[in-house]
């Protein structure tokens, strides 16, 4: 059987996604009967107008219990009827040919998954532009077989999901927040001997953050879950086909800089902190120049200071994750301090919140 004959189930997890779900569904509902056999929306405990909006579309709704994106995606694919499952996020708007461009790669039974890239739904925002162009620059280098795929635009055969038991629901994400469960699944598929493919031309538009505060908060959370990810997959600690060792070194350098701040009060050790700050700044140069050249716009030089600040946010999350692992033997959804402070929409509680345009709504 070729992918032309295979039924594709589209699974969209979401929580408090009212700000983006209409545009998301408007883009994919026309694909029903034209490559997509069914659309499943997993409502992971929304408290806003998400359910009402989704009810207006020919979509099968499954109620989640708020355990996070990994559990929500598992509910979706386990209820799916298709031989292939296409995952996108509720804050993503698929281009008409996004799925079509992924499908040919799945004719090869050795291929265990194939994913695509992003478009930018907020081109007028500098922060969204910086985030987007960095992602695109990384994606351009992901040719041939890869080791990392995100779940915002990816197709996995149902048989692979069954074989590997889908997404990990406990070690890599918590209720109402992004985590590292998609990277973990991609790593496990690769480690099981399957090939992962990446198709740059397959794109879904994404509502990147426009609030620096909320973006840094999400990066802190990602830093936290990366501890579990790299403990489970130690070879990825130095990088994969998406990130490099330079990216992975930045959070520890930022934290070392903070720890050594007292050395500024002693003449003999005065150069240490400025030296570390210089090292952190130099780490930003390759990507910053790449973005400026690719876009031809000088404003993208702002990537350097943004990325330096981000290193501290990720480092704080990483440090918290390490401390949690040392205290309890591992980072889990139960021991993540962020569970008590950050809801899916970036507010200060985990329930009863309205969706906002910057919502990391899976």
Foldseek 3Di string as FASTA:
>chain_A
DALVPWEEEEEEEFALLVVFQLLQCVQCLVCPVVSHVAYEYEYQAHPACPVVSPVVGRHHYHYHPQFDDQVSVLVRLVPDDTQKYWYAYSQWHWHNCLVVQFRRVVRDVLAFKEFEAEDAPCVVALVSLLVRLLQLVLLVQQADFWQFDARNTMMGGSVLCVVVVGWDRKAFDGGFADTCRRSLSSNVSVVVRGTYYYDHPNYIYGLAARDLVLVLLNLLRHLLSVVSVCVVVVVCLQHISRDGNLLNVLLVLLVVLVVCVVLCVPPVSNVVNVVSVVVNLVSQPVSQVVSCVVVVDPSSVVSSVSSNVSSPSSNNSNVLNVVQCVVPVGHINVPRPVQQQQHQQGHGHPDDDRHDSNGVGD
